[in-house]
Amino acid sequence: MELTIERLARELSLPVDQLERESARAYLEKQWRNVQAEILSICQKYGVSSWQEMNELIINEEVEEGKVLEDFQRVDHLTARAARLKKLLEEVDA
């Protein structure tokens, strides 16, 4: 028997919309945590904790832009993704 959202909701005695909302929230939270962990992992290489701090290193010429460019771009992308995930989490909670 195929496990559908309807069957799962019935088995758990939950309304389908509640199960969908809680499932979406759990998925988005997991994705957000994974993105945050990757950002932190990259930033730790440079002794910082955010894209902004990486940018300051470049501006203050504490590191050469060419040496950190790939990581800088990755953190920039991940920071934008984290913001989108956070916005979606807020919508799920609304």
PDB file of N, CA and C in Angstrom:
ATOM      1  N   MET A   1       0.839  -1.174   0.000  1.00  0.00           N
ATOM      2  CA  MET A   1       0.000   0.000   0.000  1.00  0.00           C
ATOM      3  C   MET A   1       0.889   1.245   0.000  1.00  0.00           C
ATOM      4  N   GLU A   2       0.602   2.161  -0.889  1.00  0.00           N
ATOM      5  CA  GLU A   2       1.375   3.390  -1.025  1.00  0.00           C
ATOM      6  C   GLU A   2       1.137   4.308   0.175  1.00  0.00           C
ATOM      7  N   LEU A   3       2.219   4.911   0.659  1.00  0.00           N
ATOM      8  CA  LEU A   3       2.110   5.837   1.783  1.00  0.00           C
ATOM      9  C   LEU A   3       1.870   7.240   1.233  1.00  0.00           C
ATOM     10  N   THR A   4       0.651   7.702   1.350  1.00  0.00           N
ATOM     11  CA  THR A   4       0.289   9.045   0.893  1.00  0.00           C
ATOM     12  C   THR A   4       0.158   9.961   2.102  1.00  0.00           C
ATOM     13  N   ILE A   5       0.137  11.241   1.852  1.00  0.00           N
ATOM     14  CA  ILE A   5      -0.034  12.204   2.937  1.00  0.00           C
ATOM     15  C   ILE A   5      -1.382  11.999   3.625  1.00  0.00           C
ATOM     16  N   GLU A   6      -2.388  11.639   2.827  1.00  0.00           N
ATOM     17  CA  GLU A   6      -3.717  11.403   3.388  1.00  0.00           C
ATOM     18  C   GLU A   6      -3.704  10.189   4.321  1.00  0.00           C
ATOM     19  N   ARG A   7      -3.055   9.129   3.878  1.00  0.00           N
ATOM     20  CA  ARG A   7      -2.986   7.919   4.708  1.00  0.00           C
ATOM     21  C   ARG A   7      -2.187   8.183   5.981  1.00  0.00           C
ATOM     22  N   LEU A   8      -1.083   8.863   5.831  1.00  0.00           N
ATOM     23  CA  LEU A   8      -0.250   9.186   6.983  1.00  0.00           C
ATOM     24  C   LEU A   8      -1.024  10.039   7.991  1.00  0.00           C
ATOM     25  N   ALA A   9      -1.743  11.035   7.499  1.00  0.00           N
ATOM     26  CA  ALA A   9      -2.548  11.885   8.381  1.00  0.00           C
ATOM     27  C   ALA A   9      -3.606  11.055   9.108  1.00  0.00           C
ATOM     28  N   ARG A  10      -4.228  10.169   8.378  1.00  0.00           N
ATOM     29  CA  ARG A  10      -5.254   9.309   8.973  1.00  0.00           C
ATOM     30  C   ARG A  10      -4.637   8.422  10.060  1.00  0.00           C
ATOM     31  N   GLU A  11      -3.482   7.809   9.756  1.00  0.00           N
ATOM     32  CA  GLU A  11      -2.808   6.935  10.717  1.00  0.00           C
ATOM     33  C   GLU A  11      -2.380   7.695  11.977  1.00  0.00           C
ATOM     34  N   LEU A  12      -2.019   8.957  11.804  1.00  0.00           N
ATOM     35  CA  LEU A  12      -1.564   9.771  12.937  1.00  0.00           C
ATOM     36  C   LEU A  12      -2.692  10.572  13.584  1.00  0.00           C
ATOM     37  N   SER A  13      -3.887  10.421  13.043  1.00  0.00           N
ATOM     38  CA  SER A  13      -5.064  11.158  13.534  1.00  0.00           C
ATOM     39  C   SER A  13      -4.835  12.664  13.516  1.00  0.00           C
ATOM     40  N   LEU A  14      -4.309  13.139  12.391  1.00  0.00           N
ATOM     41  CA  LEU A  14      -4.058  14.565  12.199  1.00  0.00           C
ATOM     42  C   LEU A  14      -4.797  15.057  10.966  1.00  0.00           C
ATOM     43  N   PRO A  15      -5.213  16.314  10.964  1.00  0.00           N
ATOM     44  CA  PRO A  15      -5.746  16.889   9.732  1.00  0.00           C
ATOM     45  C   PRO A  15      -4.625  16.966   8.683  1.00  0.00           C
ATOM     46  N   VAL A  16      -4.965  16.734   7.432  1.00  0.00           N
ATOM     47  CA  VAL A  16      -3.974  16.752   6.347  1.00  0.00           C
ATOM     48  C   VAL A  16      -3.232  18.081   6.313  1.00  0.00           C
ATOM     49  N   ASP A  17      -3.950  19.197   6.448  1.00  0.00           N
ATOM     50  CA  ASP A  17      -3.288  20.502   6.365  1.00  0.00           C
ATOM     51  C   ASP A  17      -2.282  20.707   7.500  1.00  0.00           C
ATOM     52  N   GLN A  18      -2.570  20.175   8.673  1.00  0.00           N
ATOM     53  CA  GLN A  18      -1.627  20.281   9.791  1.00  0.00           C
ATOM     54  C   GLN A  18      -0.370  19.461   9.506  1.00  0.00           C
ATOM     55  N   LEU A  19      -0.550  18.262   8.990  1.00  0.00           N
ATOM     56  CA  LEU A  19       0.592  17.414   8.660  1.00  0.00           C
ATOM     57  C   LEU A  19       1.438  18.054   7.558  1.00  0.00           C
ATOM     58  N   GLU A  20       0.787  18.625   6.556  1.00  0.00           N
ATOM     59  CA  GLU A  20       1.517  19.296   5.474  1.00  0.00           C
ATOM     60  C   GLU A  20       2.317  20.475   6.018  1.00  0.00           C
ATOM     61  N   ARG A  21       1.696  21.271   6.872  1.00  0.00           N
ATOM     62  CA  ARG A  21       2.356  22.445   7.445  1.00  0.00           C
ATOM     63  C   ARG A  21       3.550  22.029   8.316  1.00  0.00           C
ATOM     64  N   GLU A  22       3.333  21.034   9.181  1.00  0.00           N
ATOM     65  CA  GLU A  22       4.418  20.583  10.053  1.00  0.00           C
ATOM     66  C   GLU A  22       5.542  19.920   9.257  1.00  0.00           C
ATOM     67  N   SER A  23       5.189  19.217   8.207  1.00  0.00           N
ATOM     68  CA  SER A  23       6.201  18.589   7.344  1.00  0.00           C
ATOM     69  C   SER A  23       7.018  19.649   6.621  1.00  0.00           C
ATOM     70  N   ALA A  24       6.333  20.661   6.100  1.00  0.00           N
ATOM     71  CA  ALA A  24       7.025  21.748   5.405  1.00  0.00           C
ATOM     72  C   ALA A  24       7.967  22.464   6.364  1.00  0.00           C
ATOM     73  N   ARG A  25       7.485  22.720   7.564  1.00  0.00           N
ATOM     74  CA  ARG A  25       8.303  23.403   8.566  1.00  0.00           C
ATOM     75  C   ARG A  25       9.552  22.574   8.898  1.00  0.00           C
ATOM     76  N   ALA A  26       9.379  21.283   9.125  1.00  0.00           N
ATOM     77  CA  ALA A  26      10.514  20.411   9.456  1.00  0.00           C
ATOM     78  C   ALA A  26      11.529  20.389   8.314  1.00  0.00           C
ATOM     79  N   TYR A  27      11.046  20.296   7.076  1.00  0.00           N
ATOM     80  CA  TYR A  27      11.936  20.270   5.918  1.00  0.00           C
ATOM     81  C   TYR A  27      12.708  21.589   5.802  1.00  0.00           C
ATOM     82  N   LEU A  28      11.987  22.707   5.901  1.00  0.00           N
ATOM     83  CA  LEU A  28      12.628  24.016   5.766  1.00  0.00           C
ATOM     84  C   LEU A  28      13.641  24.251   6.888  1.00  0.00           C
ATOM     85  N   GLU A  29      13.307  23.853   8.108  1.00  0.00           N
ATOM     86  CA  GLU A  29      14.247  24.008   9.221  1.00  0.00           C
ATOM     87  C   GLU A  29      15.512  23.190   8.990  1.00  0.00           C
ATOM     88  N   LYS A  30      15.351  21.974   8.501  1.00  0.00           N
ATOM     89  CA  LYS A  30      16.519  21.126   8.229  1.00  0.00           C
ATOM     90  C   LYS A  30      17.394  21.755   7.146  1.00  0.00           C
ATOM     91  N   GLN A  31      16.771  22.236   6.083  1.00  0.00           N
ATOM     92  CA  GLN A  31      17.528  22.874   5.014  1.00  0.00           C
ATOM     93  C   GLN A  31      18.255  24.112   5.528  1.00  0.00           C
ATOM     94  N   TRP A  32      17.566  24.930   6.337  1.00  0.00           N
ATOM     95  CA  TRP A  32      18.161  26.145   6.884  1.00  0.00           C
ATOM     96  C   TRP A  32      19.368  25.805   7.763  1.00  0.00           C
ATOM     97  N   ARG A  33      19.230  24.788   8.612  1.00  0.00           N
ATOM     98  CA  ARG A  33      20.353  24.370   9.468  1.00  0.00           C
ATOM     99  C   ARG A  33      21.540  23.887   8.632  1.00  0.00           C
ATOM    100  N   ASN A  34      21.260  23.135   7.575  1.00  0.00           N
ATOM    101  CA  ASN A  34      22.339  22.650   6.701  1.00  0.00           C
ATOM    102  C   ASN A  34      23.068  23.807   6.027  1.00  0.00           C
ATOM    103  N   VAL A  35      22.323  24.786   5.547  1.00  0.00           N
ATOM    104  CA  VAL A  35      22.919  25.956   4.896  1.00  0.00           C
ATOM    105  C   VAL A  35      23.755  26.739   5.907  1.00  0.00           C
ATOM    106  N   GLN A  36      23.209  26.949   7.103  1.00  0.00           N
ATOM    107  CA  GLN A  36      23.945  27.678   8.136  1.00  0.00           C
ATOM    108  C   GLN A  36      25.241  26.952   8.505  1.00  0.00           C
ATOM    109  N   ALA A  37      25.184  25.633   8.586  1.00  0.00           N
ATOM    110  CA  ALA A  37      26.375  24.847   8.913  1.00  0.00           C
ATOM    111  C   ALA A  37      27.436  24.992   7.823  1.00  0.00           C
ATOM    112  N   GLU A  38      27.015  24.987   6.566  1.00  0.00           N
ATOM    113  CA  GLU A  38      27.982  25.140   5.469  1.00  0.00           C
ATOM    114  C   GLU A  38      28.597  26.536   5.475  1.00  0.00           C
ATOM    115  N   ILE A  39      27.776  27.556   5.731  1.00  0.00           N
ATOM    116  CA  ILE A  39      28.295  28.926   5.823  1.00  0.00           C
ATOM    117  C   ILE A  39      29.356  28.996   6.919  1.00  0.00           C
ATOM    118  N   LEU A  40      29.032  28.473   8.081  1.00  0.00           N
ATOM    119  CA  LEU A  40      29.958  28.512   9.212  1.00  0.00           C
ATOM    120  C   LEU A  40      31.246  27.756   8.905  1.00  0.00           C
ATOM    121  N   SER A  41      31.119  26.619   8.255  1.00  0.00           N
ATOM    122  CA  SER A  41      32.287  25.815   7.906  1.00  0.00           C
ATOM    123  C   SER A  41      33.235  26.585   6.991  1.00  0.00           C
ATOM    124  N   ILE A  42      32.686  27.241   5.994  1.00  0.00           N
ATOM    125  CA  ILE A  42      33.518  28.015   5.062  1.00  0.00           C
ATOM    126  C   ILE A  42      34.128  29.220   5.775  1.00  0.00           C
ATOM    127  N   CYS A  43      33.313  29.937   6.528  1.00  0.00           N
ATOM    128  CA  CYS A  43      33.787  31.150   7.201  1.00  0.00           C
ATOM    129  C   CYS A  43      34.881  30.854   8.216  1.00  0.00           C
ATOM    130  N   GLN A  44      34.801  29.710   8.875  1.00  0.00           N
ATOM    131  CA  GLN A  44      35.803  29.367   9.887  1.00  0.00           C
ATOM    132  C   GLN A  44      37.206  29.273   9.298  1.00  0.00           C
ATOM    133  N   LYS A  45      37.299  28.961   8.012  1.00  0.00           N
ATOM    134  CA  LYS A  45      38.616  28.913   7.360  1.00  0.00           C
ATOM    135  C   LYS A  45      39.327  30.260   7.448  1.00  0.00           C
ATOM    136  N   TYR A  46      38.528  31.330   7.528  1.00  0.00           N
ATOM    137  CA  TYR A  46      39.072  32.685   7.505  1.00  0.00           C
ATOM    138  C   TYR A  46      38.913  33.393   8.854  1.00  0.00           C
ATOM    139  N   GLY A  47      38.442  32.659   9.854  1.00  0.00           N
ATOM    140  CA  GLY A  47      38.291  33.237  11.182  1.00  0.00           C
ATOM    141  C   GLY A  47      37.152  34.229  11.306  1.00  0.00           C
ATOM    142  N   VAL A  48      36.139  34.076  10.459  1.00  0.00           N
ATOM    143  CA  VAL A  48      34.969  34.961  10.499  1.00  0.00           C
ATOM    144  C   VAL A  48      33.712  34.108  10.621  1.00  0.00           C
ATOM    145  N   SER A  49      32.559  34.782  10.741  1.00  0.00           N
ATOM    146  CA  SER A  49      31.322  34.017  10.889  1.00  0.00           C
ATOM    147  C   SER A  49      30.232  34.410   9.901  1.00  0.00           C
ATOM    148  N   SER A  50      30.551  35.304   8.960  1.00  0.00           N
ATOM    149  CA  SER A  50      29.510  35.732   8.019  1.00  0.00           C
ATOM    150  C   SER A  50      30.115  36.247   6.718  1.00  0.00           C
ATOM    151  N   TRP A  51      29.238  36.402   5.731  1.00  0.00           N
ATOM    152  CA  TRP A  51      29.630  36.975   4.446  1.00  0.00           C
ATOM    153  C   TRP A  51      30.159  38.390   4.644  1.00  0.00           C
ATOM    154  N   GLN A  52      29.488  39.161   5.497  1.00  0.00           N
ATOM    155  CA  GLN A  52      29.896  40.545   5.738  1.00  0.00           C
ATOM    156  C   GLN A  52      31.321  40.606   6.293  1.00  0.00           C
ATOM    157  N   GLU A  53      31.626  39.702   7.214  1.00  0.00           N
ATOM    158  CA  GLU A  53      32.974  39.682   7.786  1.00  0.00           C
ATOM    159  C   GLU A  53      34.009  39.245   6.751  1.00  0.00           C
ATOM    160  N   MET A  54      33.630  38.335   5.866  1.00  0.00           N
ATOM    161  CA  MET A  54      34.546  37.947   4.777  1.00  0.00           C
ATOM    162  C   MET A  54      34.811  39.153   3.887  1.00  0.00           C
ATOM    163  N   ASN A  55      33.762  39.904   3.591  1.00  0.00           N
ATOM    164  CA  ASN A  55      33.882  41.093   2.761  1.00  0.00           C
ATOM    165  C   ASN A  55      34.824  42.108   3.413  1.00  0.00           C
ATOM    166  N   GLU A  56      34.718  42.265   4.728  1.00  0.00           N
ATOM    167  CA  GLU A  56      35.608  43.182   5.450  1.00  0.00           C
ATOM    168  C   GLU A  56      37.069  42.755   5.321  1.00  0.00           C
ATOM    169  N   LEU A  57      37.323  41.457   5.362  1.00  0.00           N
ATOM    170  CA  LEU A  57      38.696  40.967   5.185  1.00  0.00           C
ATOM    171  C   LEU A  57      39.256  41.407   3.835  1.00  0.00           C
ATOM    172  N   ILE A  58      38.415  41.325   2.813  1.00  0.00           N
ATOM    173  CA  ILE A  58      38.845  41.714   1.464  1.00  0.00           C
ATOM    174  C   ILE A  58      39.043  43.223   1.389  1.00  0.00           C
ATOM    175  N   ILE A  59      38.071  43.974   1.900  1.00  0.00           N
ATOM    176  CA  ILE A  59      38.150  45.443   1.864  1.00  0.00           C
ATOM    177  C   ILE A  59      39.384  45.938   2.607  1.00  0.00           C
ATOM    178  N   ASN A  60      39.652  45.343   3.757  1.00  0.00           N
ATOM    179  CA  ASN A  60      40.806  45.752   4.569  1.00  0.00           C
ATOM    180  C   ASN A  60      42.112  45.120   4.102  1.00  0.00           C
ATOM    181  N   GLU A  61      42.042  44.391   2.983  1.00  0.00           N
ATOM    182  CA  GLU A  61      43.201  43.743   2.372  1.00  0.00           C
ATOM    183  C   GLU A  61      43.923  42.805   3.341  1.00  0.00           C
ATOM    184  N   GLU A  62      43.137  42.147   4.201  1.00  0.00           N
ATOM    185  CA  GLU A  62      43.704  41.160   5.114  1.00  0.00           C
ATOM    186  C   GLU A  62      43.886  39.817   4.406  1.00  0.00           C
ATOM    187  N   VAL A  63      43.143  39.630   3.321  1.00  0.00           N
ATOM    188  CA  VAL A  63      43.299  38.462   2.451  1.00  0.00           C
ATOM    189  C   VAL A  63      43.170  38.939   1.014  1.00  0.00           C
ATOM    190  N   GLU A  64      43.796  38.201   0.104  1.00  0.00           N
ATOM    191  CA  GLU A  64      43.676  38.546  -1.306  1.00  0.00           C
ATOM    192  C   GLU A  64      42.344  38.037  -1.835  1.00  0.00           C
ATOM    193  N   GLU A  65      41.642  38.898  -2.550  1.00  0.00           N
ATOM    194  CA  GLU A  65      40.324  38.533  -3.067  1.00  0.00           C
ATOM    195  C   GLU A  65      40.387  37.277  -3.921  1.00  0.00           C
ATOM    196  N   GLY A  66      41.409  37.159  -4.740  1.00  0.00           N
ATOM    197  CA  GLY A  66      41.536  35.996  -5.612  1.00  0.00           C
ATOM    198  C   GLY A  66      41.629  34.684  -4.859  1.00  0.00           C
ATOM    199  N   LYS A  67      42.210  34.727  -3.663  1.00  0.00           N
ATOM    200  CA  LYS A  67      42.375  33.505  -2.873  1.00  0.00           C
ATOM    201  C   LYS A  67      41.085  33.063  -2.186  1.00  0.00           C
ATOM    202  N   VAL A  68      40.170  33.997  -1.977  1.00  0.00           N
ATOM    203  CA  VAL A  68      38.930  33.656  -1.266  1.00  0.00           C
ATOM    204  C   VAL A  68      37.689  33.789  -2.141  1.00  0.00           C
ATOM    205  N   LEU A  69      37.879  34.145  -3.405  1.00  0.00           N
ATOM    206  CA  LEU A  69      36.742  34.465  -4.267  1.00  0.00           C
ATOM    207  C   LEU A  69      35.716  33.340  -4.352  1.00  0.00           C
ATOM    208  N   GLU A  70      36.166  32.121  -4.573  1.00  0.00           N
ATOM    209  CA  GLU A  70      35.227  31.005  -4.708  1.00  0.00           C
ATOM    210  C   GLU A  70      34.429  30.806  -3.411  1.00  0.00           C
ATOM    211  N   ASP A  71      35.123  30.823  -2.282  1.00  0.00           N
ATOM    212  CA  ASP A  71      34.432  30.679  -0.997  1.00  0.00           C
ATOM    213  C   ASP A  71      33.513  31.872  -0.735  1.00  0.00           C
ATOM    214  N   PHE A  72      33.981  33.059  -1.075  1.00  0.00           N
ATOM    215  CA  PHE A  72      33.188  34.276  -0.882  1.00  0.00           C
ATOM    216  C   PHE A  72      31.882  34.191  -1.676  1.00  0.00           C
ATOM    217  N   GLN A  73      31.978  33.768  -2.927  1.00  0.00           N
ATOM    218  CA  GLN A  73      30.782  33.633  -3.763  1.00  0.00           C
ATOM    219  C   GLN A  73      29.855  32.545  -3.230  1.00  0.00           C
ATOM    220  N   ARG A  74      30.431  31.452  -2.755  1.00  0.00           N
ATOM    221  CA  ARG A  74      29.617  30.365  -2.199  1.00  0.00           C
ATOM    222  C   ARG A  74      28.868  30.838  -0.953  1.00  0.00           C
ATOM    223  N   VAL A  75      29.556  31.542  -0.068  1.00  0.00           N
ATOM    224  CA  VAL A  75      28.912  32.056   1.144  1.00  0.00           C
ATOM    225  C   VAL A  75      27.838  33.078   0.774  1.00  0.00           C
ATOM    226  N   ASP A  76      28.099  33.897  -0.222  1.00  0.00           N
ATOM    227  CA  ASP A  76      27.095  34.867  -0.684  1.00  0.00           C
ATOM    228  C   ASP A  76      25.837  34.137  -1.155  1.00  0.00           C
ATOM    229  N   HIS A  77      26.027  33.113  -1.968  1.00  0.00           N
ATOM    230  CA  HIS A  77      24.895  32.311  -2.465  1.00  0.00           C
ATOM    231  C   HIS A  77      24.152  31.649  -1.306  1.00  0.00           C
ATOM    232  N   LEU A  78      24.887  31.048  -0.389  1.00  0.00           N
ATOM    233  CA  LEU A  78      24.268  30.355   0.744  1.00  0.00           C
ATOM    234  C   LEU A  78      23.533  31.326   1.667  1.00  0.00           C
ATOM    235  N   THR A  79      24.084  32.518   1.831  1.00  0.00           N
ATOM    236  CA  THR A  79      23.433  33.526   2.669  1.00  0.00           C
ATOM    237  C   THR A  79      22.088  33.919   2.069  1.00  0.00           C
ATOM    238  N   ALA A  80      22.046  34.077   0.755  1.00  0.00           N
ATOM    239  CA  ALA A  80      20.777  34.396   0.083  1.00  0.00           C
ATOM    240  C   ALA A  80      19.795  33.235   0.220  1.00  0.00           C
ATOM    241  N   ARG A  81      20.293  32.020   0.088  1.00  0.00           N
ATOM    242  CA  ARG A  81      19.422  30.840   0.244  1.00  0.00           C
ATOM    243  C   ARG A  81      18.869  30.758   1.663  1.00  0.00           C
ATOM    244  N   ALA A  82      19.705  31.023   2.653  1.00  0.00           N
ATOM    245  CA  ALA A  82      19.257  31.000   4.049  1.00  0.00           C
ATOM    246  C   ALA A  82      18.158  32.032   4.277  1.00  0.00           C
ATOM    247  N   ALA A  83      18.301  33.195   3.677  1.00  0.00           N
ATOM    248  CA  ALA A  83      17.280  34.240   3.820  1.00  0.00           C
ATOM    249  C   ALA A  83      15.959  33.795   3.193  1.00  0.00           C
ATOM    250  N   ARG A  84      16.031  33.145   2.021  1.00  0.00           N
ATOM    251  CA  ARG A  84      14.802  32.647   1.371  1.00  0.00           C
ATOM    252  C   ARG A  84      14.139  31.577   2.229  1.00  0.00           C
ATOM    253  N   LEU A  85      14.939  30.672   2.776  1.00  0.00           N
ATOM    254  CA  LEU A  85      14.396  29.617   3.634  1.00  0.00           C
ATOM    255  C   LEU A  85      13.746  30.213   4.879  1.00  0.00           C
ATOM    256  N   LYS A  86      14.381  31.222   5.468  1.00  0.00           N
ATOM    257  CA  LYS A  86      13.834  31.870   6.663  1.00  0.00           C
ATOM    258  C   LYS A  86      12.494  32.532   6.335  1.00  0.00           C
ATOM    259  N   LYS A  87      12.416  33.162   5.166  1.00  0.00           N
ATOM    260  CA  LYS A  87      11.161  33.805   4.751  1.00  0.00           C
ATOM    261  C   LYS A  87      10.061  32.757   4.580  1.00  0.00           C
ATOM    262  N   LEU A  88      10.391  31.638   3.977  1.00  0.00           N
ATOM    263  CA  LEU A  88       9.410  30.562   3.803  1.00  0.00           C
ATOM    264  C   LEU A  88       8.972  29.998   5.151  1.00  0.00           C
ATOM    265  N   LEU A  89       9.898  29.895   6.091  1.00  0.00           N
ATOM    266  CA  LEU A  89       9.545  29.436   7.437  1.00  0.00           C
ATOM    267  C   LEU A  89       8.548  30.389   8.091  1.00  0.00           C
ATOM    268  N   GLU A  90       8.765  31.678   7.903  1.00  0.00           N
ATOM    269  CA  GLU A  90       7.835  32.667   8.451  1.00  0.00           C
ATOM    270  C   GLU A  90       6.451  32.509   7.830  1.00  0.00           C
ATOM    271  N   GLU A  91       6.406  32.211   6.531  1.00  0.00           N
ATOM    272  CA  GLU A  91       5.118  32.012   5.857  1.00  0.00           C
ATOM    273  C   GLU A  91       4.410  30.766   6.372  1.00  0.00           C
ATOM    274  N   VAL A  92       5.165  29.709   6.648  1.00  0.00           N
ATOM    275  CA  VAL A  92       4.565  28.481   7.180  1.00  0.00           C
ATOM    276  C   VAL A  92       3.947  28.762   8.546  1.00  0.00           C
ATOM    277  N   ASP A  93       4.605  29.615   9.328  1.00  0.00           N
ATOM    278  CA  ASP A  93       4.122  29.932  10.672  1.00  0.00           C
ATOM    279  C   ASP A  93       2.951  30.911  10.673  1.00  0.00           C
ATOM    280  N   ALA A  94       2.750  31.590   9.559  1.00  0.00           N
ATOM    281  CA  ALA A  94       1.685  32.616   9.506  1.00  0.00           C
ATOM    282  C   ALA A  94       0.298  32.008   9.478  1.00  0.00           C
TER     283      ALA A  94
END
